[in-house]
Amino acid sequence: MDQTFDSVNASTINAEYGKPLRSAVRNTSLHMAHWKYAIKVFESMKFINKRTGKLTVPPSVKNWIFTLKSFIHLWLQLKKCNIKYFLPRQCLFGSVSSHGVRNINPNCYQFMCSFKTLLINNFMSLKVSGNCVIDHSESALYNLKNFIESGSSSLLINESNKDVNLINITMIDLPTSVKYTYLTDMTIGYISGYLARSVLKDTHFCRLCKNELISDVENNDLIQIRDFTKKSLLYPSDKFKNVINQMFYITKNILLNFGQANIGKILILLFEINIEVCTICPKHDLKCIIFEKFKNFFLFTYVKNINKIINGLDRNVYKSDTLKELALIYCLKHKRRN
C-alpha cells in the first residue's frame, strides 16, 4: 500500500532515494507495471459482512481500482499528445468534483477555475489532521508573493503606517454554518435577492448566471411580503445565499478591526482569499461582480448608518464597533442644547 500511495502522489520529477514510485510518470518509470499489479490485488480483495456473512467489496477498494485505471488511461492519452511526463495527484479529481458541489462533471473552464482555487487554498492551509505527507512545497508561492508585493506600494492601508499593507492579510477560518434568528435569516435572504438582481443586470440576465444565483423555491417570507408586484424581487439560491453569509461574517467579525484607508481593497482581498465561488458561466466573471456589488452595498449601508448616529437618528450602543462608538461620542458632544 505504501508503494501504491507513492505512485499516485508524486511531488518531484525525479525519484527520491528509496521511493522510486514517488516521482513523475513517464515511459521509463515503474508506474504502469505497479498500477496493473495493484489493480489485480485490489480486485482479489473480498471482505465478509458481519451482519449477513456475505462477501462484499467496500467503496474504498472499488475507488482505488477506478483511480488506478483512470491514471493508466490518462497517461496513455497524454503520451499521444507527446507529453513526456505528468505528476499524479490522488485527491485532485475528487477535490475538484467536491468543489463543484452538485456539478460533478465540470467542463474545461469549470475545471480550470476549481483547480486554481484548490491549488492556492491548499497551499495556504495545510491539512495537518489528514493522512497526507508533507511535500515540501513551502516555496511554491514565492512567485505569487513577489508579484503581489511588487505593486504593494500603491496599496498601503495607512499612509502614516507604511509597514502595514495588504499582503499581511491572512486566511480566516469561516464557520461551516452560522445560526441566525428567523428574522435575521429572512433579512439576509432578502438582501441576497436584491444583490442577485443587481448582479444579473450587469450580466444582462444571463441564463447560466441566473441558474447560479436564483432559486425557483419561494421560501422567504420577507420577500413574499415586500414583493408587491410579484416581479421585482428574486429568491436567492442556497449556494448564493451561503456566499453572502460568508461575506457578512467577514465584514462583521473581521473588517471592523480595520479603521483605515483602502477599506474597499481590503474587503475584496479578504473575499478573494477566503471565499470559494465556483461558477459555470465562461462569459461573465461572476465572482468579481458579486464581490464588487457586495462591497459597494456594505460600504454604502455602513457609512449611511454612521451618518445616522452622528445626526442623532440612532442612539443605540455598539460596543463591538469602534467607529460607531466614536460617532455616538461625537453626536453626544456636539448635540444642540435645548
C-alpha atoms as a PDB file:
ATOM      1  CA  MET A   1       0.000   0.000   0.000  1.00  0.00           C
ATOM      2  CA  ASP A   2       2.886   2.362   0.719  1.00  0.00           C
ATOM      3  CA  GLN A   3       4.158   1.936  -2.836  1.00  0.00           C
ATOM      4  CA  THR A   4       0.665   2.474  -4.233  1.00  0.00           C
ATOM      5  CA  PHE A   5       0.251   5.697  -2.268  1.00  0.00           C
ATOM      6  CA  ASP A   6       3.674   6.824  -3.522  1.00  0.00           C
ATOM      7  CA  SER A   7       2.720   6.066  -7.126  1.00  0.00           C
ATOM      8  CA  VAL A   8      -0.276   8.417  -7.057  1.00  0.00           C
ATOM      9  CA  ASN A   9       1.299  11.243  -5.040  1.00  0.00           C
ATOM     10  CA  ALA A  10       4.337  12.483  -6.924  1.00  0.00           C
ATOM     11  CA  SER A  11       5.907  15.761  -5.826  1.00  0.00           C
ATOM     12  CA  THR A  12       9.131  15.692  -7.877  1.00  0.00           C
ATOM     13  CA  ILE A  13      10.100  14.760 -11.418  1.00  0.00           C
ATOM     14  CA  ASN A  14      12.967  12.504 -10.351  1.00  0.00           C
ATOM     15  CA  ALA A  15      12.550   9.714  -7.824  1.00  0.00           C
ATOM     16  CA  GLU A  16      13.557  10.205  -4.194  1.00  0.00           C
ATOM     17  CA  TYR A  17      16.017   7.850  -2.535  1.00  0.00           C
ATOM     18  CA  GLY A  18      14.205   4.643  -1.617  1.00  0.00           C
ATOM     19  CA  LYS A  19      10.965   5.916  -3.204  1.00  0.00           C
ATOM     20  CA  PRO A  20      11.131   5.037  -6.923  1.00  0.00           C
ATOM     21  CA  LEU A  21       7.378   5.461  -7.419  1.00  0.00           C
ATOM     22  CA  ARG A  22       7.075   8.873  -5.765  1.00  0.00           C
ATOM     23  CA  SER A  23       8.068  10.619  -8.983  1.00  0.00           C
ATOM     24  CA  ALA A  24       6.715  11.664 -12.349  1.00  0.00           C
ATOM     25  CA  VAL A  25       5.054   9.094 -14.585  1.00  0.00           C
ATOM     26  CA  ARG A  26       6.984   8.567 -17.830  1.00  0.00           C
ATOM     27  CA  ASN A  27       7.958   5.836 -20.262  1.00  0.00           C
ATOM     28  CA  THR A  28      10.908   4.617 -18.187  1.00  0.00           C
ATOM     29  CA  SER A  29       9.163   4.718 -14.788  1.00  0.00           C
ATOM     30  CA  LEU A  30       7.692   1.727 -12.947  1.00  0.00           C
ATOM     31  CA  HIS A  31       4.222   3.231 -12.509  1.00  0.00           C
ATOM     32  CA  MET A  32       2.351   1.361 -15.238  1.00  0.00           C
ATOM     33  CA  ALA A  33       3.626  -2.040 -14.136  1.00  0.00           C
ATOM     34  CA  HIS A  34       2.842  -1.336 -10.483  1.00  0.00           C
ATOM     35  CA  TRP A  35      -0.653   0.005 -11.233  1.00  0.00           C
ATOM     36  CA  LYS A  36      -1.578  -3.073 -13.273  1.00  0.00           C
ATOM     37  CA  TYR A  37      -0.311  -5.314 -10.466  1.00  0.00           C
ATOM     38  CA  ALA A  38      -2.107  -3.247  -7.797  1.00  0.00           C
ATOM     39  CA  ILE A  39      -5.396  -3.431  -9.715  1.00  0.00           C
ATOM     40  CA  LYS A  40      -5.215  -7.241  -9.679  1.00  0.00           C
ATOM     41  CA  VAL A  41      -4.532  -7.195  -5.929  1.00  0.00           C
ATOM     42  CA  PHE A  42      -7.451  -4.854  -5.223  1.00  0.00           C
ATOM     43  CA  GLU A  43      -9.773  -6.897  -7.445  1.00  0.00           C
ATOM     44  CA  SER A  44      -8.882 -10.012  -5.441  1.00  0.00           C
ATOM     45  CA  MET A  45      -9.806  -8.369  -2.133  1.00  0.00           C
ATOM     46  CA  LYS A  46     -13.047  -9.539  -0.548  1.00  0.00           C
ATOM     47  CA  PHE A  47     -14.459  -8.775   2.896  1.00  0.00           C
ATOM     48  CA  ILE A  48     -17.083 -10.593   4.957  1.00  0.00           C
ATOM     49  CA  ASN A  49     -20.089  -8.598   6.107  1.00  0.00           C
ATOM     50  CA  LYS A  50     -20.575  -9.082   9.866  1.00  0.00           C
ATOM     51  CA  ARG A  51     -24.358  -8.994   9.631  1.00  0.00           C
ATOM     52  CA  THR A  52     -25.057 -11.029   6.506  1.00  0.00           C
ATOM     53  CA  GLY A  53     -21.899 -13.142   6.343  1.00  0.00           C
ATOM     54  CA  LYS A  54     -21.685 -12.473   2.599  1.00  0.00           C
ATOM     55  CA  LEU A  55     -18.602 -11.433   0.677  1.00  0.00           C
ATOM     56  CA  THR A  56     -18.523  -7.734  -0.142  1.00  0.00           C
ATOM     57  CA  VAL A  57     -16.188  -5.128  -1.633  1.00  0.00           C
ATOM     58  CA  PRO A  58     -16.079  -1.783   0.233  1.00  0.00           C
ATOM     59  CA  PRO A  59     -16.245   1.504  -1.707  1.00  0.00           C
ATOM     60  CA  SER A  60     -12.628   2.348  -0.817  1.00  0.00           C
ATOM     61  CA  VAL A  61     -11.355  -0.692  -2.718  1.00  0.00           C
ATOM     62  CA  LYS A  62     -13.639  -0.004  -5.692  1.00  0.00           C
ATOM     63  CA  ASN A  63     -12.453   3.603  -5.776  1.00  0.00           C
ATOM     64  CA  TRP A  64      -8.814   2.546  -5.735  1.00  0.00           C
ATOM     65  CA  ILE A  65      -9.416   0.332  -8.766  1.00  0.00           C
ATOM     66  CA  PHE A  66     -11.226   3.161 -10.528  1.00  0.00           C
ATOM     67  CA  THR A  67      -8.444   5.644  -9.667  1.00  0.00           C
ATOM     68  CA  LEU A  68      -5.618   3.439 -10.918  1.00  0.00           C
ATOM     69  CA  LYS A  69      -7.439   2.571 -14.146  1.00  0.00           C
ATOM     70  CA  SER A  70      -8.091   6.278 -14.657  1.00  0.00           C
ATOM     71  CA  PHE A  71      -4.399   7.118 -14.246  1.00  0.00           C
ATOM     72  CA  ILE A  72      -3.449   4.419 -16.746  1.00  0.00           C
ATOM     73  CA  HIS A  73      -5.955   5.771 -19.255  1.00  0.00           C
ATOM     74  CA  LEU A  74      -4.815   9.350 -18.609  1.00  0.00           C
ATOM     75  CA  TRP A  75      -1.159   8.518 -19.205  1.00  0.00           C
ATOM     76  CA  LEU A  76      -1.945   6.693 -22.456  1.00  0.00           C
ATOM     77  CA  GLN A  77      -3.856   9.742 -23.696  1.00  0.00           C
ATOM     78  CA  LEU A  78      -1.116  12.148 -22.616  1.00  0.00           C
ATOM     79  CA  LYS A  79       1.529  10.138 -24.479  1.00  0.00           C
ATOM     80  CA  LYS A  80      -0.483  10.533 -27.676  1.00  0.00           C
ATOM     81  CA  CYS A  81      -0.151  14.306 -27.200  1.00  0.00           C
ATOM     82  CA  ASN A  82       3.657  13.961 -26.907  1.00  0.00           C
ATOM     83  CA  ILE A  83       3.655  14.829 -23.199  1.00  0.00           C
ATOM     84  CA  LYS A  84       6.816  13.407 -21.654  1.00  0.00           C
ATOM     85  CA  TYR A  85       5.686  13.097 -18.031  1.00  0.00           C
ATOM     86  CA  PHE A  86       2.996  14.051 -15.522  1.00  0.00           C
ATOM     87  CA  LEU A  87       2.760  14.230 -11.726  1.00  0.00           C
ATOM     88  CA  PRO A  88      -0.205  12.191 -10.414  1.00  0.00           C
ATOM     89  CA  ARG A  89      -2.247  13.536  -7.517  1.00  0.00           C
ATOM     90  CA  GLN A  90      -4.505  11.051  -5.731  1.00  0.00           C
ATOM     91  CA  CYS A  91      -7.048  13.539  -4.306  1.00  0.00           C
ATOM     92  CA  LEU A  92      -7.068  16.137  -7.086  1.00  0.00           C
ATOM     93  CA  PHE A  93     -10.031  14.980  -9.148  1.00  0.00           C
ATOM     94  CA  GLY A  94     -12.076  14.113  -6.070  1.00  0.00           C
ATOM     95  CA  SER A  95     -11.401  17.584  -4.679  1.00  0.00           C
ATOM     96  CA  VAL A  96     -12.394  19.233  -7.963  1.00  0.00           C
ATOM     97  CA  SER A  97     -15.585  17.206  -8.035  1.00  0.00           C
ATOM     98  CA  SER A  98     -16.389  18.131  -4.418  1.00  0.00           C
ATOM     99  CA  HIS A  99     -15.558  21.777  -5.080  1.00  0.00           C
ATOM    100  CA  GLY A 100     -18.240  21.874  -7.754  1.00  0.00           C
ATOM    101  CA  VAL A 101     -20.843  20.661  -5.214  1.00  0.00           C
ATOM    102  CA  ARG A 102     -23.585  19.187  -7.426  1.00  0.00           C
ATOM    103  CA  ASN A 103     -21.629  19.797 -10.624  1.00  0.00           C
ATOM    104  CA  ILE A 104     -19.659  16.526 -10.585  1.00  0.00           C
ATOM    105  CA  ASN A 105     -18.861  16.595 -14.315  1.00  0.00           C
ATOM    106  CA  PRO A 106     -17.222  20.001 -14.907  1.00  0.00           C
ATOM    107  CA  ASN A 107     -16.277  21.314 -18.318  1.00  0.00           C
ATOM    108  CA  CYS A 108     -12.766  22.611 -19.086  1.00  0.00           C
ATOM    109  CA  TYR A 109     -13.487  26.151 -17.890  1.00  0.00           C
ATOM    110  CA  GLN A 110     -15.053  24.991 -14.611  1.00  0.00           C
ATOM    111  CA  PHE A 111     -12.199  22.542 -14.018  1.00  0.00           C
ATOM    112  CA  MET A 112      -9.657  25.328 -14.553  1.00  0.00           C
ATOM    113  CA  CYS A 113     -11.410  27.634 -12.056  1.00  0.00           C
ATOM    114  CA  SER A 114     -11.687  24.894  -9.425  1.00  0.00           C
ATOM    115  CA  PHE A 115      -8.079  23.845  -9.957  1.00  0.00           C
ATOM    116  CA  LYS A 116      -6.789  27.399  -9.413  1.00  0.00           C
ATOM    117  CA  THR A 117      -8.870  27.838  -6.263  1.00  0.00           C
ATOM    118  CA  LEU A 118      -7.916  24.471  -4.753  1.00  0.00           C
ATOM    119  CA  LEU A 119      -4.240  24.883  -5.612  1.00  0.00           C
ATOM    120  CA  ILE A 120      -3.830  28.220  -3.830  1.00  0.00           C
ATOM    121  CA  ASN A 121      -6.155  27.387  -0.924  1.00  0.00           C
ATOM    122  CA  ASN A 122      -4.420  24.084  -0.207  1.00  0.00           C
ATOM    123  CA  PHE A 123      -1.002  25.724  -0.316  1.00  0.00           C
ATOM    124  CA  MET A 124      -2.177  28.244   2.276  1.00  0.00           C
ATOM    125  CA  SER A 125      -3.907  25.795   4.640  1.00  0.00           C
ATOM    126  CA  LEU A 126      -2.047  22.533   5.269  1.00  0.00           C
ATOM    127  CA  LYS A 127      -4.363  19.694   6.261  1.00  0.00           C
ATOM    128  CA  VAL A 128      -2.357  18.536   9.285  1.00  0.00           C
ATOM    129  CA  SER A 129      -5.096  16.225  10.527  1.00  0.00           C
ATOM    130  CA  GLY A 130      -5.299  14.341   7.239  1.00  0.00           C
ATOM    131  CA  ASN A 131      -3.297  11.339   6.034  1.00  0.00           C
ATOM    132  CA  CYS A 132      -1.238  13.393   3.555  1.00  0.00           C
ATOM    133  CA  VAL A 133       2.531  13.603   3.792  1.00  0.00           C
ATOM    134  CA  ILE A 134       4.431  16.887   3.606  1.00  0.00           C
ATOM    135  CA  ASP A 135       5.540  17.555   0.027  1.00  0.00           C
ATOM    136  CA  HIS A 136       7.998  20.397   0.738  1.00  0.00           C
ATOM    137  CA  SER A 137       6.049  22.961  -1.279  1.00  0.00           C
ATOM    138  CA  GLU A 138       6.701  25.924   1.036  1.00  0.00           C
ATOM    139  CA  SER A 139       8.406  27.956  -1.694  1.00  0.00           C
ATOM    140  CA  ALA A 140       5.829  27.289  -4.395  1.00  0.00           C
ATOM    141  CA  LEU A 141       4.005  30.575  -3.780  1.00  0.00           C
ATOM    142  CA  TYR A 142       7.111  32.784  -3.700  1.00  0.00           C
ATOM    143  CA  ASN A 143       6.485  33.987  -7.252  1.00  0.00           C
ATOM    144  CA  LEU A 144       2.902  34.887  -6.364  1.00  0.00           C
ATOM    145  CA  LYS A 145       4.074  36.709  -3.235  1.00  0.00           C
ATOM    146  CA  ASN A 146       6.708  38.649  -5.199  1.00  0.00           C
ATOM    147  CA  PHE A 147       4.137  39.555  -7.834  1.00  0.00           C
ATOM    148  CA  ILE A 148       1.738  40.930  -5.212  1.00  0.00           C
ATOM    149  CA  GLU A 149       4.437  42.734  -3.242  1.00  0.00           C
ATOM    150  CA  SER A 150       5.846  44.344  -6.374  1.00  0.00           C
ATOM    151  CA  GLY A 151       2.756  46.548  -6.596  1.00  0.00           C
ATOM    152  CA  SER A 152       2.046  46.880  -2.906  1.00  0.00           C
ATOM    153  CA  SER A 153       3.397  50.441  -2.689  1.00  0.00           C
ATOM    154  CA  SER A 154       0.154  51.723  -4.158  1.00  0.00           C
ATOM    155  CA  LEU A 155      -1.964  49.581  -1.845  1.00  0.00           C
ATOM    156  CA  LEU A 156      -0.868  50.861   1.532  1.00  0.00           C
ATOM    157  CA  ILE A 157      -3.668  50.771   4.060  1.00  0.00           C
ATOM    158  CA  ASN A 158      -2.459  53.753   6.031  1.00  0.00           C
ATOM    159  CA  GLU A 159      -0.017  56.363   4.764  1.00  0.00           C
ATOM    160  CA  SER A 160       1.147  57.071   8.320  1.00  0.00           C
ATOM    161  CA  ASN A 161       1.780  53.384   8.968  1.00  0.00           C
ATOM    162  CA  LYS A 162       3.640  52.134   5.921  1.00  0.00           C
ATOM    163  CA  ASP A 163       4.648  48.811   7.438  1.00  0.00           C
ATOM    164  CA  VAL A 164       1.042  47.623   7.120  1.00  0.00           C
ATOM    165  CA  ASN A 165      -0.055  46.557   3.654  1.00  0.00           C
ATOM    166  CA  LEU A 166      -2.497  44.221   2.025  1.00  0.00           C
ATOM    167  CA  ILE A 167      -0.082  41.316   1.828  1.00  0.00           C
ATOM    168  CA  ASN A 168      -0.320  40.856   5.620  1.00  0.00           C
ATOM    169  CA  ILE A 169      -3.960  39.786   5.410  1.00  0.00           C
ATOM    170  CA  THR A 170      -4.280  36.042   6.036  1.00  0.00           C
ATOM    171  CA  MET A 171      -6.931  33.373   5.644  1.00  0.00           C
ATOM    172  CA  ILE A 172      -9.906  33.293   8.002  1.00  0.00           C
ATOM    173  CA  ASP A 173     -11.472  30.169   9.490  1.00  0.00           C
ATOM    174  CA  LEU A 174     -15.011  30.673   8.260  1.00  0.00           C
ATOM    175  CA  PRO A 175     -17.647  28.644  10.142  1.00  0.00           C
ATOM    176  CA  THR A 176     -19.397  25.943   8.140  1.00  0.00           C
ATOM    177  CA  SER A 177     -22.742  27.247   9.366  1.00  0.00           C
ATOM    178  CA  VAL A 178     -23.908  30.284  11.316  1.00  0.00           C
ATOM    179  CA  LYS A 179     -27.059  30.216  13.443  1.00  0.00           C
ATOM    180  CA  TYR A 180     -29.272  33.245  12.867  1.00  0.00           C
ATOM    181  CA  THR A 181     -32.635  34.225  14.249  1.00  0.00           C
ATOM    182  CA  TYR A 182     -35.596  33.763  11.954  1.00  0.00           C
ATOM    183  CA  LEU A 183     -35.798  37.499  11.208  1.00  0.00           C
ATOM    184  CA  THR A 184     -32.054  37.800  10.530  1.00  0.00           C
ATOM    185  CA  ASP A 185     -32.129  34.793   8.204  1.00  0.00           C
ATOM    186  CA  MET A 186     -35.057  36.272   6.273  1.00  0.00           C
ATOM    187  CA  THR A 187     -33.261  39.636   6.072  1.00  0.00           C
ATOM    188  CA  ILE A 188     -30.081  38.074   4.683  1.00  0.00           C
ATOM    189  CA  GLY A 189     -32.202  36.212   2.130  1.00  0.00           C
ATOM    190  CA  TYR A 190     -33.889  39.474   1.157  1.00  0.00           C
ATOM    191  CA  ILE A 191     -30.518  41.218   0.724  1.00  0.00           C
ATOM    192  CA  SER A 192     -29.216  38.235  -1.267  1.00  0.00           C
ATOM    193  CA  GLY A 193     -32.186  38.518  -3.622  1.00  0.00           C
ATOM    194  CA  TYR A 194     -31.574  42.250  -4.033  1.00  0.00           C
ATOM    195  CA  LEU A 195     -27.888  41.682  -4.828  1.00  0.00           C
ATOM    196  CA  ALA A 196     -28.758  38.834  -7.206  1.00  0.00           C
ATOM    197  CA  ARG A 197     -30.935  41.182  -9.266  1.00  0.00           C
ATOM    198  CA  SER A 198     -28.194  43.821  -9.262  1.00  0.00           C
ATOM    199  CA  VAL A 199     -25.616  41.270 -10.444  1.00  0.00           C
ATOM    200  CA  LEU A 200     -27.916  39.917 -13.155  1.00  0.00           C
ATOM    201  CA  LYS A 201     -28.449  43.421 -14.527  1.00  0.00           C
ATOM    202  CA  ASP A 202     -24.707  43.608 -15.190  1.00  0.00           C
ATOM    203  CA  THR A 203     -24.778  40.226 -16.947  1.00  0.00           C
ATOM    204  CA  HIS A 204     -27.918  41.151 -18.937  1.00  0.00           C
ATOM    205  CA  PHE A 205     -29.785  38.376 -17.096  1.00  0.00           C
ATOM    206  CA  CYS A 206     -27.520  35.664 -18.485  1.00  0.00           C
ATOM    207  CA  ARG A 207     -29.250  32.284 -18.245  1.00  0.00           C
ATOM    208  CA  LEU A 208     -26.220  30.474 -16.779  1.00  0.00           C
ATOM    209  CA  CYS A 209     -25.624  33.216 -14.215  1.00  0.00           C
ATOM    210  CA  LYS A 210     -29.308  33.223 -13.314  1.00  0.00           C
ATOM    211  CA  ASN A 211     -29.214  29.488 -12.620  1.00  0.00           C
ATOM    212  CA  GLU A 212     -26.316  30.107 -10.223  1.00  0.00           C
ATOM    213  CA  LEU A 213     -27.986  32.924  -8.284  1.00  0.00           C
ATOM    214  CA  ILE A 214     -31.730  32.308  -8.345  1.00  0.00           C
ATOM    215  CA  SER A 215     -33.959  29.633  -6.810  1.00  0.00           C
ATOM    216  CA  ASP A 216     -37.371  28.568  -8.058  1.00  0.00           C
ATOM    217  CA  VAL A 217     -38.473  27.871  -4.484  1.00  0.00           C
ATOM    218  CA  GLU A 218     -40.228  30.816  -2.801  1.00  0.00           C
ATOM    219  CA  ASN A 219     -39.026  30.133   0.741  1.00  0.00           C
ATOM    220  CA  ASN A 220     -38.528  33.650   2.136  1.00  0.00           C
ATOM    221  CA  ASP A 221     -41.488  35.240   3.932  1.00  0.00           C
ATOM    222  CA  LEU A 222     -39.933  38.712   3.911  1.00  0.00           C
ATOM    223  CA  ILE A 223     -39.542  38.681   0.129  1.00  0.00           C
ATOM    224  CA  GLN A 224     -43.125  37.474  -0.263  1.00  0.00           C
ATOM    225  CA  ILE A 225     -44.397  40.354   1.890  1.00  0.00           C
ATOM    226  CA  ARG A 226     -42.278  43.050   0.221  1.00  0.00           C
ATOM    227  CA  ASP A 227     -42.753  41.900  -3.372  1.00  0.00           C
ATOM    228  CA  PHE A 228     -45.928  43.819  -4.154  1.00  0.00           C
ATOM    229  CA  THR A 229     -45.670  43.387  -7.932  1.00  0.00           C
ATOM    230  CA  LYS A 230     -44.566  39.727  -7.745  1.00  0.00           C
ATOM    231  CA  LYS A 231     -41.901  40.580 -10.340  1.00  0.00           C
ATOM    232  CA  SER A 232     -39.391  42.974  -8.797  1.00  0.00           C
ATOM    233  CA  LEU A 233     -37.779  40.745  -6.133  1.00  0.00           C
ATOM    234  CA  LEU A 234     -35.871  37.499  -6.593  1.00  0.00           C
ATOM    235  CA  TYR A 235     -35.396  34.455  -4.371  1.00  0.00           C
ATOM    236  CA  PRO A 236     -31.681  33.589  -3.950  1.00  0.00           C
ATOM    237  CA  SER A 237     -30.303  30.085  -4.357  1.00  0.00           C
ATOM    238  CA  ASP A 238     -28.864  28.354  -1.291  1.00  0.00           C
ATOM    239  CA  LYS A 239     -25.399  28.492  -2.861  1.00  0.00           C
ATOM    240  CA  PHE A 240     -25.542  32.261  -3.429  1.00  0.00           C
ATOM    241  CA  LYS A 241     -27.062  32.907  -0.012  1.00  0.00           C
ATOM    242  CA  ASN A 242     -24.207  30.961   1.589  1.00  0.00           C
ATOM    243  CA  VAL A 243     -21.681  33.202  -0.206  1.00  0.00           C
ATOM    244  CA  ILE A 244     -23.500  36.292   1.099  1.00  0.00           C
ATOM    245  CA  ASN A 245     -23.474  34.784   4.612  1.00  0.00           C
ATOM    246  CA  GLN A 246     -19.709  34.326   4.421  1.00  0.00           C
ATOM    247  CA  MET A 247     -19.179  37.899   3.238  1.00  0.00           C
ATOM    248  CA  PHE A 248     -21.364  39.206   6.066  1.00  0.00           C
ATOM    249  CA  TYR A 249     -19.315  37.171   8.547  1.00  0.00           C
ATOM    250  CA  ILE A 250     -16.058  38.654   7.237  1.00  0.00           C
ATOM    251  CA  THR A 251     -17.320  42.236   7.279  1.00  0.00           C
ATOM    252  CA  LYS A 252     -18.893  41.908  10.723  1.00  0.00           C
ATOM    253  CA  ASN A 253     -16.200  39.976  12.576  1.00  0.00           C
ATOM    254  CA  ILE A 254     -13.013  40.905  10.723  1.00  0.00           C
ATOM    255  CA  LEU A 255     -13.306  44.116   8.768  1.00  0.00           C
ATOM    256  CA  LEU A 256     -14.498  46.231  11.689  1.00  0.00           C
ATOM    257  CA  ASN A 257     -10.995  45.932  13.151  1.00  0.00           C
ATOM    258  CA  PHE A 258      -9.623  47.914  10.196  1.00  0.00           C
ATOM    259  CA  GLY A 259     -10.435  51.575  10.792  1.00  0.00           C
ATOM    260  CA  GLN A 260      -8.100  52.618   7.997  1.00  0.00           C
ATOM    261  CA  ALA A 261      -7.888  53.708   4.385  1.00  0.00           C
ATOM    262  CA  ASN A 262      -8.344  51.445   1.336  1.00  0.00           C
ATOM    263  CA  ILE A 263     -11.125  49.597   3.118  1.00  0.00           C
ATOM    264  CA  GLY A 264     -12.692  48.590  -0.210  1.00  0.00           C
ATOM    265  CA  LYS A 265      -9.467  46.963  -1.422  1.00  0.00           C
ATOM    266  CA  ILE A 266      -9.132  45.126   1.875  1.00  0.00           C
ATOM    267  CA  LEU A 267     -12.691  43.822   1.520  1.00  0.00           C
ATOM    268  CA  ILE A 268     -12.136  42.487  -1.994  1.00  0.00           C
ATOM    269  CA  LEU A 269      -8.846  40.864  -0.992  1.00  0.00           C
ATOM    270  CA  LEU A 270     -10.431  39.196   2.041  1.00  0.00           C
ATOM    271  CA  PHE A 271     -13.222  37.832  -0.158  1.00  0.00           C
ATOM    272  CA  GLU A 272     -10.765  36.568  -2.795  1.00  0.00           C
ATOM    273  CA  ILE A 273      -8.625  34.744  -0.232  1.00  0.00           C
ATOM    274  CA  ASN A 274     -11.331  33.239   1.952  1.00  0.00           C
ATOM    275  CA  ILE A 275     -14.443  32.602  -0.152  1.00  0.00           C
ATOM    276  CA  GLU A 276     -14.782  29.979  -2.869  1.00  0.00           C
ATOM    277  CA  VAL A 277     -17.219  30.789  -5.659  1.00  0.00           C
ATOM    278  CA  CYS A 278     -17.461  28.110  -8.345  1.00  0.00           C
ATOM    279  CA  THR A 279     -19.325  29.372 -11.418  1.00  0.00           C
ATOM    280  CA  ILE A 280     -20.249  27.739 -14.714  1.00  0.00           C
ATOM    281  CA  CYS A 281     -20.562  30.793 -16.977  1.00  0.00           C
ATOM    282  CA  PRO A 282     -17.455  31.269 -19.175  1.00  0.00           C
ATOM    283  CA  LYS A 283     -18.659  34.654 -20.437  1.00  0.00           C
ATOM    284  CA  HIS A 284     -19.009  36.593 -17.171  1.00  0.00           C
ATOM    285  CA  ASP A 285     -16.636  36.843 -14.213  1.00  0.00           C
ATOM    286  CA  LEU A 286     -19.475  36.276 -11.772  1.00  0.00           C
ATOM    287  CA  LYS A 287     -17.248  36.050  -8.703  1.00  0.00           C
ATOM    288  CA  CYS A 288     -15.710  39.501  -9.237  1.00  0.00           C
ATOM    289  CA  ILE A 289     -19.116  41.040  -9.928  1.00  0.00           C
ATOM    290  CA  ILE A 290     -20.574  39.544  -6.725  1.00  0.00           C
ATOM    291  CA  PHE A 291     -17.640  40.735  -4.607  1.00  0.00           C
ATOM    292  CA  GLU A 292     -17.786  44.242  -6.082  1.00  0.00           C
ATOM    293  CA  LYS A 293     -21.555  44.540  -5.630  1.00  0.00           C
ATOM    294  CA  PHE A 294     -21.437  43.392  -2.012  1.00  0.00           C
ATOM    295  CA  LYS A 295     -18.509  45.697  -1.232  1.00  0.00           C
ATOM    296  CA  ASN A 296     -20.400  48.717  -2.582  1.00  0.00           C
ATOM    297  CA  PHE A 297     -23.594  47.686  -0.785  1.00  0.00           C
ATOM    298  CA  PHE A 298     -21.851  47.149   2.547  1.00  0.00           C
ATOM    299  CA  LEU A 299     -19.813  50.366   2.479  1.00  0.00           C
ATOM    300  CA  PHE A 300     -22.824  52.460   1.431  1.00  0.00           C
ATOM    301  CA  THR A 301     -25.008  50.969   4.175  1.00  0.00           C
ATOM    302  CA  TYR A 302     -22.282  51.190   6.797  1.00  0.00           C
ATOM    303  CA  VAL A 303     -21.474  54.849   6.093  1.00  0.00           C
ATOM    304  CA  LYS A 304     -25.189  55.650   5.986  1.00  0.00           C
ATOM    305  CA  ASN A 305     -25.613  54.147   9.465  1.00  0.00           C
ATOM    306  CA  ILE A 306     -22.610  56.121  10.748  1.00  0.00           C
ATOM    307  CA  ASN A 307     -24.231  59.325   9.492  1.00  0.00           C
ATOM    308  CA  LYS A 308     -27.468  58.412  11.269  1.00  0.00           C
ATOM    309  CA  ILE A 309     -25.578  58.098  14.549  1.00  0.00           C
ATOM    310  CA  ILE A 310     -23.761  61.406  14.025  1.00  0.00           C
ATOM    311  CA  ASN A 311     -27.048  63.171  13.261  1.00  0.00           C
ATOM    312  CA  GLY A 312     -28.703  61.734  16.368  1.00  0.00           C
ATOM    313  CA  LEU A 313     -31.095  59.455  14.484  1.00  0.00           C
ATOM    314  CA  ASP A 314     -29.602  56.314  16.029  1.00  0.00           C
ATOM    315  CA  ARG A 315     -28.757  56.263  19.756  1.00  0.00           C
ATOM    316  CA  ASN A 316     -28.074  52.530  20.072  1.00  0.00           C
ATOM    317  CA  VAL A 317     -24.820  51.437  21.726  1.00  0.00           C
ATOM    318  CA  TYR A 318     -22.433  49.422  19.504  1.00  0.00           C
ATOM    319  CA  LYS A 319     -19.747  48.064  21.843  1.00  0.00           C
ATOM    320  CA  SER A 320     -18.088  45.876  19.209  1.00  0.00           C
ATOM    321  CA  ASP A 321     -17.809  48.638  16.590  1.00  0.00           C
ATOM    322  CA  THR A 322     -15.193  51.324  17.285  1.00  0.00           C
ATOM    323  CA  LEU A 323     -16.316  53.672  14.514  1.00  0.00           C
ATOM    324  CA  LYS A 324     -19.928  53.637  15.647  1.00  0.00           C
ATOM    325  CA  GLU A 325     -18.835  54.229  19.237  1.00  0.00           C
ATOM    326  CA  LEU A 326     -16.825  57.271  18.114  1.00  0.00           C
ATOM    327  CA  ALA A 327     -19.775  58.500  16.057  1.00  0.00           C
ATOM    328  CA  LEU A 328     -22.048  58.303  19.119  1.00  0.00           C
ATOM    329  CA  ILE A 329     -19.488  60.162  21.262  1.00  0.00           C
ATOM    330  CA  TYR A 330     -19.270  62.865  18.598  1.00  0.00           C
ATOM    331  CA  CYS A 331     -23.066  63.147  18.487  1.00  0.00           C
ATOM    332  CA  LEU A 332     -23.418  63.467  22.263  1.00  0.00           C
ATOM    333  CA  LYS A 333     -20.613  66.010  22.399  1.00  0.00           C
ATOM    334  CA  HIS A 334     -21.894  68.259  19.630  1.00  0.00           C
ATOM    335  CA  LYS A 335     -25.644  67.914  20.004  1.00  0.00           C
ATOM    336  CA  ARG A 336     -27.544  71.147  20.414  1.00  0.00           C
ATOM    337  CA  ARG A 337     -28.680  72.032  23.880  1.00  0.00           C
ATOM    338  CA  ASN A 338     -32.373  72.720  24.245  1.00  0.00           C
END
